[in-house]
Amino acid sequence: MPQFRSDRRTPADYGLLVAAATLYNDSSVGLVQQQLSKHGIRSTISGPELSGPGIARKVLVFPEDHHRAFRVLCNENEDL
């Protein structure tokens, strides 16, 4: 199952967006985006064009949604 962590990068690393999670497979990225969307949080992904196991992808959100996104992901996945 996916592991979630907050990313401490600065907003300049992703333009106006900040990373809410770093994931290593495409199905986890889709799951996280669905969970965020269900709570009204818009997101996009960052990472290499190629995807696959072991390749880090970041789920990005607007700064004002970052703390709420992190809480949503932690609360919905606390048994992982």
PDB file of N, CA and C in Angstrom:
ATOM      1  N   MET A   1       0.836  -1.180   0.000  1.00  0.00           N
ATOM      2  CA  MET A   1       0.000   0.000   0.000  1.00  0.00           C
ATOM      3  C   MET A   1       0.885   1.249   0.000  1.00  0.00           C
ATOM      4  N   PRO A   2       0.316   2.386  -0.376  1.00  0.00           N
ATOM      5  CA  PRO A   2       1.114   3.607  -0.478  1.00  0.00           C
ATOM      6  C   PRO A   2       1.562   4.105   0.887  1.00  0.00           C
ATOM      7  N   GLN A   3       2.720   4.756   0.895  1.00  0.00           N
ATOM      8  CA  GLN A   3       3.182   5.439   2.085  1.00  0.00           C
ATOM      9  C   GLN A   3       3.110   6.928   1.807  1.00  0.00           C
ATOM     10  N   PHE A   4       2.616   7.688   2.774  1.00  0.00           N
ATOM     11  CA  PHE A   4       2.429   9.114   2.597  1.00  0.00           C
ATOM     12  C   PHE A   4       3.378   9.869   3.510  1.00  0.00           C
ATOM     13  N   ARG A   5       3.852  10.989   3.025  1.00  0.00           N
ATOM     14  CA  ARG A   5       4.644  11.869   3.861  1.00  0.00           C
ATOM     15  C   ARG A   5       4.483  13.281   3.326  1.00  0.00           C
ATOM     16  N   SER A   6       4.584  14.220   4.217  1.00  0.00           N
ATOM     17  CA  SER A   6       4.549  15.617   3.805  1.00  0.00           C
ATOM     18  C   SER A   6       5.896  15.968   3.193  1.00  0.00           C
ATOM     19  N   ASP A   7       5.897  16.832   2.207  1.00  0.00           N
ATOM     20  CA  ASP A   7       7.136  17.234   1.561  1.00  0.00           C
ATOM     21  C   ASP A   7       7.491  18.641   2.017  1.00  0.00           C
ATOM     22  N   ARG A   8       8.736  18.850   2.387  1.00  0.00           N
ATOM     23  CA  ARG A   8       9.176  20.139   2.936  1.00  0.00           C
ATOM     24  C   ARG A   8       9.792  21.053   1.889  1.00  0.00           C
ATOM     25  N   ARG A   9       9.591  20.820   0.633  1.00  0.00           N
ATOM     26  CA  ARG A   9      10.169  21.695  -0.388  1.00  0.00           C
ATOM     27  C   ARG A   9       9.514  23.062  -0.345  1.00  0.00           C
ATOM     28  N   THR A  10      10.173  24.019  -0.937  1.00  0.00           N
ATOM     29  CA  THR A  10       9.623  25.368  -0.965  1.00  0.00           C
ATOM     30  C   THR A  10       8.659  25.509  -2.140  1.00  0.00           C
ATOM     31  N   PRO A  11       7.728  26.452  -2.068  1.00  0.00           N
ATOM     32  CA  PRO A  11       6.790  26.658  -3.170  1.00  0.00           C
ATOM     33  C   PRO A  11       7.483  26.929  -4.502  1.00  0.00           C
ATOM     34  N   ALA A  12       8.684  27.470  -4.474  1.00  0.00           N
ATOM     35  CA  ALA A  12       9.392  27.770  -5.720  1.00  0.00           C
ATOM     36  C   ALA A  12       9.727  26.496  -6.503  1.00  0.00           C
ATOM     37  N   ASP A  13       9.802  25.356  -5.832  1.00  0.00           N
ATOM     38  CA  ASP A  13      10.125  24.103  -6.509  1.00  0.00           C
ATOM     39  C   ASP A  13       9.033  23.663  -7.483  1.00  0.00           C
ATOM     40  N   TYR A  14       7.787  24.016  -7.210  1.00  0.00           N
ATOM     41  CA  TYR A  14       6.665  23.597  -8.051  1.00  0.00           C
ATOM     42  C   TYR A  14       5.778  24.772  -8.454  1.00  0.00           C
ATOM     43  N   GLY A  15       6.339  25.926  -8.575  1.00  0.00           N
ATOM     44  CA  GLY A  15       5.532  27.094  -8.902  1.00  0.00           C
ATOM     45  C   GLY A  15       4.688  27.465  -7.700  1.00  0.00           C
ATOM     46  N   LEU A  16       3.390  27.616  -7.914  1.00  0.00           N
ATOM     47  CA  LEU A  16       2.487  27.975  -6.818  1.00  0.00           C
ATOM     48  C   LEU A  16       2.064  26.775  -5.989  1.00  0.00           C
ATOM     49  N   LEU A  17       2.336  25.566  -6.454  1.00  0.00           N
ATOM     50  CA  LEU A  17       1.845  24.355  -5.794  1.00  0.00           C
ATOM     51  C   LEU A  17       2.861  23.795  -4.803  1.00  0.00           C
ATOM     52  N   VAL A  18       2.361  23.013  -3.848  1.00  0.00           N
ATOM     53  CA  VAL A  18       3.212  22.330  -2.879  1.00  0.00           C
ATOM     54  C   VAL A  18       2.860  20.841  -2.875  1.00  0.00           C
ATOM     55  N   ALA A  19       3.840  20.021  -2.533  1.00  0.00           N
ATOM     56  CA  ALA A  19       3.625  18.571  -2.526  1.00  0.00           C
ATOM     57  C   ALA A  19       2.892  18.146  -1.256  1.00  0.00           C
ATOM     58  N   ALA A  20       1.825  17.377  -1.438  1.00  0.00           N
ATOM     59  CA  ALA A  20       1.073  16.819  -0.312  1.00  0.00           C
ATOM     60  C   ALA A  20       1.479  15.375  -0.051  1.00  0.00           C
ATOM     61  N   ALA A  21       1.995  14.692  -1.074  1.00  0.00           N
ATOM     62  CA  ALA A  21       2.403  13.291  -0.917  1.00  0.00           C
ATOM     63  C   ALA A  21       3.411  12.930  -1.998  1.00  0.00           C
ATOM     64  N   THR A  22       4.271  11.979  -1.676  1.00  0.00           N
ATOM     65  CA  THR A  22       5.197  11.402  -2.634  1.00  0.00           C
ATOM     66  C   THR A  22       4.883   9.925  -2.728  1.00  0.00           C
ATOM     67  N   LEU A  23       4.647   9.451  -3.942  1.00  0.00           N
ATOM     68  CA  LEU A  23       4.222   8.065  -4.152  1.00  0.00           C
ATOM     69  C   LEU A  23       5.086   7.410  -5.207  1.00  0.00           C
ATOM     70  N   TYR A  24       5.084   6.075  -5.198  1.00  0.00           N
ATOM     71  CA  TYR A  24       5.979   5.353  -6.088  1.00  0.00           C
ATOM     72  C   TYR A  24       5.274   4.403  -7.046  1.00  0.00           C
ATOM     73  N   ASN A  25       3.954   4.501  -7.175  1.00  0.00           N
ATOM     74  CA  ASN A  25       3.276   3.747  -8.227  1.00  0.00           C
ATOM     75  C   ASN A  25       2.014   4.486  -8.655  1.00  0.00           C
ATOM     76  N   ASP A  26       1.630   4.268  -9.901  1.00  0.00           N
ATOM     77  CA  ASP A  26       0.529   5.031 -10.503  1.00  0.00           C
ATOM     78  C   ASP A  26      -0.812   4.779  -9.825  1.00  0.00           C
ATOM     79  N   SER A  27      -1.063   3.559  -9.366  1.00  0.00           N
ATOM     80  CA  SER A  27      -2.353   3.288  -8.737  1.00  0.00           C
ATOM     81  C   SER A  27      -2.487   4.070  -7.431  1.00  0.00           C
ATOM     82  N   SER A  28      -1.383   4.243  -6.702  1.00  0.00           N
ATOM     83  CA  SER A  28      -1.417   5.036  -5.475  1.00  0.00           C
ATOM     84  C   SER A  28      -1.682   6.506  -5.777  1.00  0.00           C
ATOM     85  N   VAL A  29      -1.099   6.999  -6.853  1.00  0.00           N
ATOM     86  CA  VAL A  29      -1.332   8.391  -7.256  1.00  0.00           C
ATOM     87  C   VAL A  29      -2.816   8.604  -7.530  1.00  0.00           C
ATOM     88  N   GLY A  30      -3.419   7.697  -8.268  1.00  0.00           N
ATOM     89  CA  GLY A  30      -4.853   7.801  -8.564  1.00  0.00           C
ATOM     90  C   GLY A  30      -5.700   7.749  -7.306  1.00  0.00           C
ATOM     91  N   LEU A  31      -5.344   6.868  -6.369  1.00  0.00           N
ATOM     92  CA  LEU A  31      -6.073   6.756  -5.111  1.00  0.00           C
ATOM     93  C   LEU A  31      -6.005   8.053  -4.317  1.00  0.00           C
ATOM     94  N   VAL A  32      -4.823   8.630  -4.218  1.00  0.00           N
ATOM     95  CA  VAL A  32      -4.652   9.881  -3.476  1.00  0.00           C
ATOM     96  C   VAL A  32      -5.448  10.998  -4.120  1.00  0.00           C
ATOM     97  N   GLN A  33      -5.386  11.102  -5.442  1.00  0.00           N
ATOM     98  CA  GLN A  33      -6.148  12.159  -6.119  1.00  0.00           C
ATOM     99  C   GLN A  33      -7.647  11.980  -5.904  1.00  0.00           C
ATOM    100  N   GLN A  34      -8.133  10.750  -5.884  1.00  0.00           N
ATOM    101  CA  GLN A  34      -9.553  10.501  -5.616  1.00  0.00           C
ATOM    102  C   GLN A  34      -9.926  10.920  -4.197  1.00  0.00           C
ATOM    103  N   GLN A  35      -9.081  10.571  -3.232  1.00  0.00           N
ATOM    104  CA  GLN A  35      -9.356  10.936  -1.842  1.00  0.00           C
ATOM    105  C   GLN A  35      -9.400  12.452  -1.674  1.00  0.00           C
ATOM    106  N   LEU A  36      -8.451  13.143  -2.272  1.00  0.00           N
ATOM    107  CA  LEU A  36      -8.434  14.599  -2.170  1.00  0.00           C
ATOM    108  C   LEU A  36      -9.651  15.212  -2.849  1.00  0.00           C
ATOM    109  N   SER A  37      -9.976  14.727  -4.023  1.00  0.00           N
ATOM    110  CA  SER A  37     -11.126  15.246  -4.763  1.00  0.00           C
ATOM    111  C   SER A  37     -12.423  15.057  -3.975  1.00  0.00           C
ATOM    112  N   LYS A  38     -12.549  13.926  -3.315  1.00  0.00           N
ATOM    113  CA  LYS A  38     -13.738  13.639  -2.510  1.00  0.00           C
ATOM    114  C   LYS A  38     -13.923  14.687  -1.414  1.00  0.00           C
ATOM    115  N   HIS A  39     -12.827  15.296  -0.983  1.00  0.00           N
ATOM    116  CA  HIS A  39     -12.873  16.326   0.056  1.00  0.00           C
ATOM    117  C   HIS A  39     -12.774  17.735  -0.524  1.00  0.00           C
ATOM    118  N   GLY A  40     -12.937  17.862  -1.836  1.00  0.00           N
ATOM    119  CA  GLY A  40     -12.951  19.174  -2.478  1.00  0.00           C
ATOM    120  C   GLY A  40     -11.584  19.804  -2.659  1.00  0.00           C
ATOM    121  N   ILE A  41     -10.532  18.993  -2.623  1.00  0.00           N
ATOM    122  CA  ILE A  41      -9.170  19.504  -2.776  1.00  0.00           C
ATOM    123  C   ILE A  41      -8.681  19.184  -4.175  1.00  0.00           C
ATOM    124  N   ARG A  42      -8.350  20.230  -4.936  1.00  0.00           N
ATOM    125  CA  ARG A  42      -7.825  20.036  -6.291  1.00  0.00           C
ATOM    126  C   ARG A  42      -6.362  19.627  -6.223  1.00  0.00           C
ATOM    127  N   SER A  43      -5.951  18.747  -7.143  1.00  0.00           N
ATOM    128  CA  SER A  43      -4.560  18.298  -7.153  1.00  0.00           C
ATOM    129  C   SER A  43      -4.108  17.988  -8.574  1.00  0.00           C
ATOM    130  N   THR A  44      -2.806  17.918  -8.720  1.00  0.00           N
ATOM    131  CA  THR A  44      -2.187  17.489  -9.967  1.00  0.00           C
ATOM    132  C   THR A  44      -0.959  16.684  -9.592  1.00  0.00           C
ATOM    133  N   ILE A  45      -0.296  16.095 -10.584  1.00  0.00           N
ATOM    134  CA  ILE A  45       0.889  15.300 -10.271  1.00  0.00           C
ATOM    135  C   ILE A  45       2.126  15.890 -10.931  1.00  0.00           C
ATOM    136  N   SER A  46       3.259  15.618 -10.319  1.00  0.00           N
ATOM    137  CA  SER A  46       4.544  16.023 -10.848  1.00  0.00           C
ATOM    138  C   SER A  46       5.448  14.809 -10.834  1.00  0.00           C
ATOM    139  N   GLY A  47       6.318  14.743 -11.785  1.00  0.00           N
ATOM    140  CA  GLY A  47       7.250  13.633 -11.849  1.00  0.00           C
ATOM    141  C   GLY A  47       7.644  13.395 -13.283  1.00  0.00           C
ATOM    142  N   PRO A  48       8.469  12.395 -13.510  1.00  0.00           N
ATOM    143  CA  PRO A  48       8.911  12.111 -14.875  1.00  0.00           C
ATOM    144  C   PRO A  48       7.757  11.663 -15.762  1.00  0.00           C
ATOM    145  N   GLU A  49       7.883  11.912 -17.054  1.00  0.00           N
ATOM    146  CA  GLU A  49       6.855  11.474 -18.004  1.00  0.00           C
ATOM    147  C   GLU A  49       6.685   9.956 -17.956  1.00  0.00           C
ATOM    148  N   LEU A  50       7.788   9.245 -17.788  1.00  0.00           N
ATOM    149  CA  LEU A  50       7.718   7.794 -17.651  1.00  0.00           C
ATOM    150  C   LEU A  50       7.279   7.470 -16.237  1.00  0.00           C
ATOM    151  N   SER A  51       6.464   6.456 -16.091  1.00  0.00           N
ATOM    152  CA  SER A  51       6.034   6.058 -14.764  1.00  0.00           C
ATOM    153  C   SER A  51       6.266   4.565 -14.594  1.00  0.00           C
ATOM    154  N   GLY A  52       6.214   4.135 -13.376  1.00  0.00           N
ATOM    155  CA  GLY A  52       6.398   2.732 -13.081  1.00  0.00           C
ATOM    156  C   GLY A  52       6.856   2.554 -11.656  1.00  0.00           C
ATOM    157  N   PRO A  53       6.965   1.303 -11.222  1.00  0.00           N
ATOM    158  CA  PRO A  53       7.375   1.036  -9.843  1.00  0.00           C
ATOM    159  C   PRO A  53       8.730   1.676  -9.527  1.00  0.00           C
ATOM    160  N   GLY A  54       8.810   2.308  -8.375  1.00  0.00           N
ATOM    161  CA  GLY A  54      10.062   2.907  -7.935  1.00  0.00           C
ATOM    162  C   GLY A  54      10.332   4.301  -8.447  1.00  0.00           C
ATOM    163  N   ILE A  55       9.474   4.824  -9.304  1.00  0.00           N
ATOM    164  CA  ILE A  55       9.649   6.177  -9.828  1.00  0.00           C
ATOM    165  C   ILE A  55       8.757   7.122  -9.019  1.00  0.00           C
ATOM    166  N   ALA A  56       9.370   8.092  -8.353  1.00  0.00           N
ATOM    167  CA  ALA A  56       8.630   8.988  -7.468  1.00  0.00           C
ATOM    168  C   ALA A  56       7.748   9.945  -8.263  1.00  0.00           C
ATOM    169  N   ARG A  57       6.510  10.042  -7.834  1.00  0.00           N
ATOM    170  CA  ARG A  57       5.558  11.035  -8.352  1.00  0.00           C
ATOM    171  C   ARG A  57       5.055  11.820  -7.155  1.00  0.00           C
ATOM    172  N   LYS A  58       4.852  13.093  -7.325  1.00  0.00           N
ATOM    173  CA  LYS A  58       4.351  13.938  -6.253  1.00  0.00           C
ATOM    174  C   LYS A  58       2.933  14.399  -6.583  1.00  0.00           C
ATOM    175  N   VAL A  59       2.078  14.367  -5.583  1.00  0.00           N
ATOM    176  CA  VAL A  59       0.735  14.912  -5.703  1.00  0.00           C
ATOM    177  C   VAL A  59       0.813  16.332  -5.166  1.00  0.00           C
ATOM    178  N   LEU A  60       0.490  17.288  -6.024  1.00  0.00           N
ATOM    179  CA  LEU A  60       0.631  18.710  -5.698  1.00  0.00           C
ATOM    180  C   LEU A  60      -0.730  19.353  -5.455  1.00  0.00           C
ATOM    181  N   VAL A  61      -0.769  20.251  -4.483  1.00  0.00           N
ATOM    182  CA  VAL A  61      -1.992  20.982  -4.151  1.00  0.00           C
ATOM    183  C   VAL A  61      -1.635  22.459  -3.965  1.00  0.00           C
ATOM    184  N   PHE A  62      -2.653  23.283  -3.900  1.00  0.00           N
ATOM    185  CA  PHE A  62      -2.426  24.699  -3.621  1.00  0.00           C
ATOM    186  C   PHE A  62      -2.017  24.858  -2.153  1.00  0.00           C
ATOM    187  N   PRO A  63      -1.180  25.851  -1.857  1.00  0.00           N
ATOM    188  CA  PRO A  63      -0.680  26.033  -0.483  1.00  0.00           C
ATOM    189  C   PRO A  63      -1.790  26.115   0.566  1.00  0.00           C
ATOM    190  N   GLU A  64      -2.885  26.771   0.232  1.00  0.00           N
ATOM    191  CA  GLU A  64      -3.962  26.907   1.219  1.00  0.00           C
ATOM    192  C   GLU A  64      -4.661  25.582   1.520  1.00  0.00           C
ATOM    193  N   ASP A  65      -4.458  24.566   0.681  1.00  0.00           N
ATOM    194  CA  ASP A  65      -5.055  23.243   0.893  1.00  0.00           C
ATOM    195  C   ASP A  65      -4.068  22.228   1.461  1.00  0.00           C
ATOM    196  N   HIS A  66      -2.799  22.609   1.594  1.00  0.00           N
ATOM    197  CA  HIS A  66      -1.759  21.647   1.956  1.00  0.00           C
ATOM    198  C   HIS A  66      -2.026  20.940   3.290  1.00  0.00           C
ATOM    199  N   HIS A  67      -2.297  21.697   4.338  1.00  0.00           N
ATOM    200  CA  HIS A  67      -2.490  21.079   5.651  1.00  0.00           C
ATOM    201  C   HIS A  67      -3.748  20.215   5.675  1.00  0.00           C
ATOM    202  N   ARG A  68      -4.787  20.675   5.038  1.00  0.00           N
ATOM    203  CA  ARG A  68      -6.029  19.891   4.987  1.00  0.00           C
ATOM    204  C   ARG A  68      -5.815  18.608   4.186  1.00  0.00           C
ATOM    205  N   ALA A  69      -5.082  18.707   3.071  1.00  0.00           N
ATOM    206  CA  ALA A  69      -4.790  17.522   2.250  1.00  0.00           C
ATOM    207  C   ALA A  69      -4.003  16.497   3.049  1.00  0.00           C
ATOM    208  N   PHE A  70      -2.999  16.948   3.767  1.00  0.00           N
ATOM    209  CA  PHE A  70      -2.191  16.036   4.566  1.00  0.00           C
ATOM    210  C   PHE A  70      -3.048  15.349   5.631  1.00  0.00           C
ATOM    211  N   ARG A  71      -3.924  16.109   6.292  1.00  0.00           N
ATOM    212  CA  ARG A  71      -4.816  15.522   7.312  1.00  0.00           C
ATOM    213  C   ARG A  71      -5.749  14.497   6.680  1.00  0.00           C
ATOM    214  N   VAL A  72      -6.319  14.826   5.520  1.00  0.00           N
ATOM    215  CA  VAL A  72      -7.208  13.893   4.830  1.00  0.00           C
ATOM    216  C   VAL A  72      -6.478  12.593   4.527  1.00  0.00           C
ATOM    217  N   LEU A  73      -5.289  12.689   3.968  1.00  0.00           N
ATOM    218  CA  LEU A  73      -4.545  11.489   3.598  1.00  0.00           C
ATOM    219  C   LEU A  73      -4.136  10.675   4.825  1.00  0.00           C
ATOM    220  N   CYS A  74      -3.722  11.317   5.872  1.00  0.00           N
ATOM    221  CA  CYS A  74      -3.342  10.595   7.083  1.00  0.00           C
ATOM    222  C   CYS A  74      -4.549   9.940   7.744  1.00  0.00           C
ATOM    223  N   ASN A  75      -5.661  10.658   7.832  1.00  0.00           N
ATOM    224  CA  ASN A  75      -6.859  10.112   8.468  1.00  0.00           C
ATOM    225  C   ASN A  75      -7.462   8.954   7.686  1.00  0.00           C
ATOM    226  N   GLU A  76      -7.442   9.031   6.379  1.00  0.00           N
ATOM    227  CA  GLU A  76      -8.063   7.980   5.568  1.00  0.00           C
ATOM    228  C   GLU A  76      -7.148   6.785   5.378  1.00  0.00           C
ATOM    229  N   ASN A  77      -5.884   6.911   5.749  1.00  0.00           N
ATOM    230  CA  ASN A  77      -4.928   5.832   5.516  1.00  0.00           C
ATOM    231  C   ASN A  77      -4.142   5.495   6.777  1.00  0.00           C
ATOM    232  N   GLU A  78      -4.728   5.723   7.948  1.00  0.00           N
ATOM    233  CA  GLU A  78      -3.975   5.527   9.176  1.00  0.00           C
ATOM    234  C   GLU A  78      -3.618   4.072   9.446  1.00  0.00           C
ATOM    235  N   ASP A  79      -4.279   3.119   8.789  1.00  0.00           N
ATOM    236  CA  ASP A  79      -3.963   1.708   9.019  1.00  0.00           C
ATOM    237  C   ASP A  79      -2.916   1.173   8.047  1.00  0.00           C
ATOM    238  N   LEU A  80      -2.352   2.028   7.181  1.00  0.00           N
ATOM    239  CA  LEU A  80      -1.347   1.569   6.219  1.00  0.00           C
ATOM    240  C   LEU A  80       0.030   1.507   6.832  1.00  0.00           C
TER     241      LEU A  80
END
